[in-house]
Amino acid sequence: MRKAVGPVADFLERRVGVIVQMPVPPARPVVLRPPGAIEERAFVDTCARCGKCVAVCPADAIVPSPSAPGFTAGTPMINADRAACVVCDGLQCTHVCPSGALLPLSSPDQINMGLAEVYASTCVRSQGEACTKCVDLCPIGTSAIECTDDGPPVVHAVGCTGCGVCQLYCPTTPKAITIRPRR
């Protein structure tokens, strides 16, 4: 069960509640939307690109998307390599959106931005190192991610919000853990 991909991984994620470990990180740009974002196509059509969610983010994690291939310019996104969602008190970004592209959320368990994927071949725990940054710094805690006695961390699909903290603080290059947006 360590190298399932595509539809098999999606099925296992929904049924088992644990994301399986992936072999290598993605090479494509990832657009991670802020908490409360509606379905991607509707989000792009609905977002007013007003910047209110960008301005209210206490972690400066939300930024306007660049004008580049794979991005829809001006729409809010989180680049977890630069700054992650810190799951702030009040989830402020979800309450200031005037267009409805971000739905108001009242608790962290409602966040469904993405899901962490672990790349065992890159994770230093696979080589016997004792790194636990992804677990120690996760704002959700062990209900989202935990380390076993040996090997890479295990991500729990039901608990992981996709905030990106694990990706931000992962010490490897390329990252041994990245966020895959839930679409």
Foldseek 3Di string as FASTA:
>chain_A
DQDDDDPVQVVCCVPVQWGHAHADDDPDDAFFAAFQADPDVVLLVQAPLPCPLCVPQPFNQWDAWPPDPPHDGSRIGGDLQVTWRLQDQQSVSLPPGPRSRGHGDHHLLRAARWAKHFNQVFACLVVVDDDDQLQVRDNQHVCAWDDDPGTDIIGGSSRDRQRSSSCNPQPTVVRRMHTHTDD
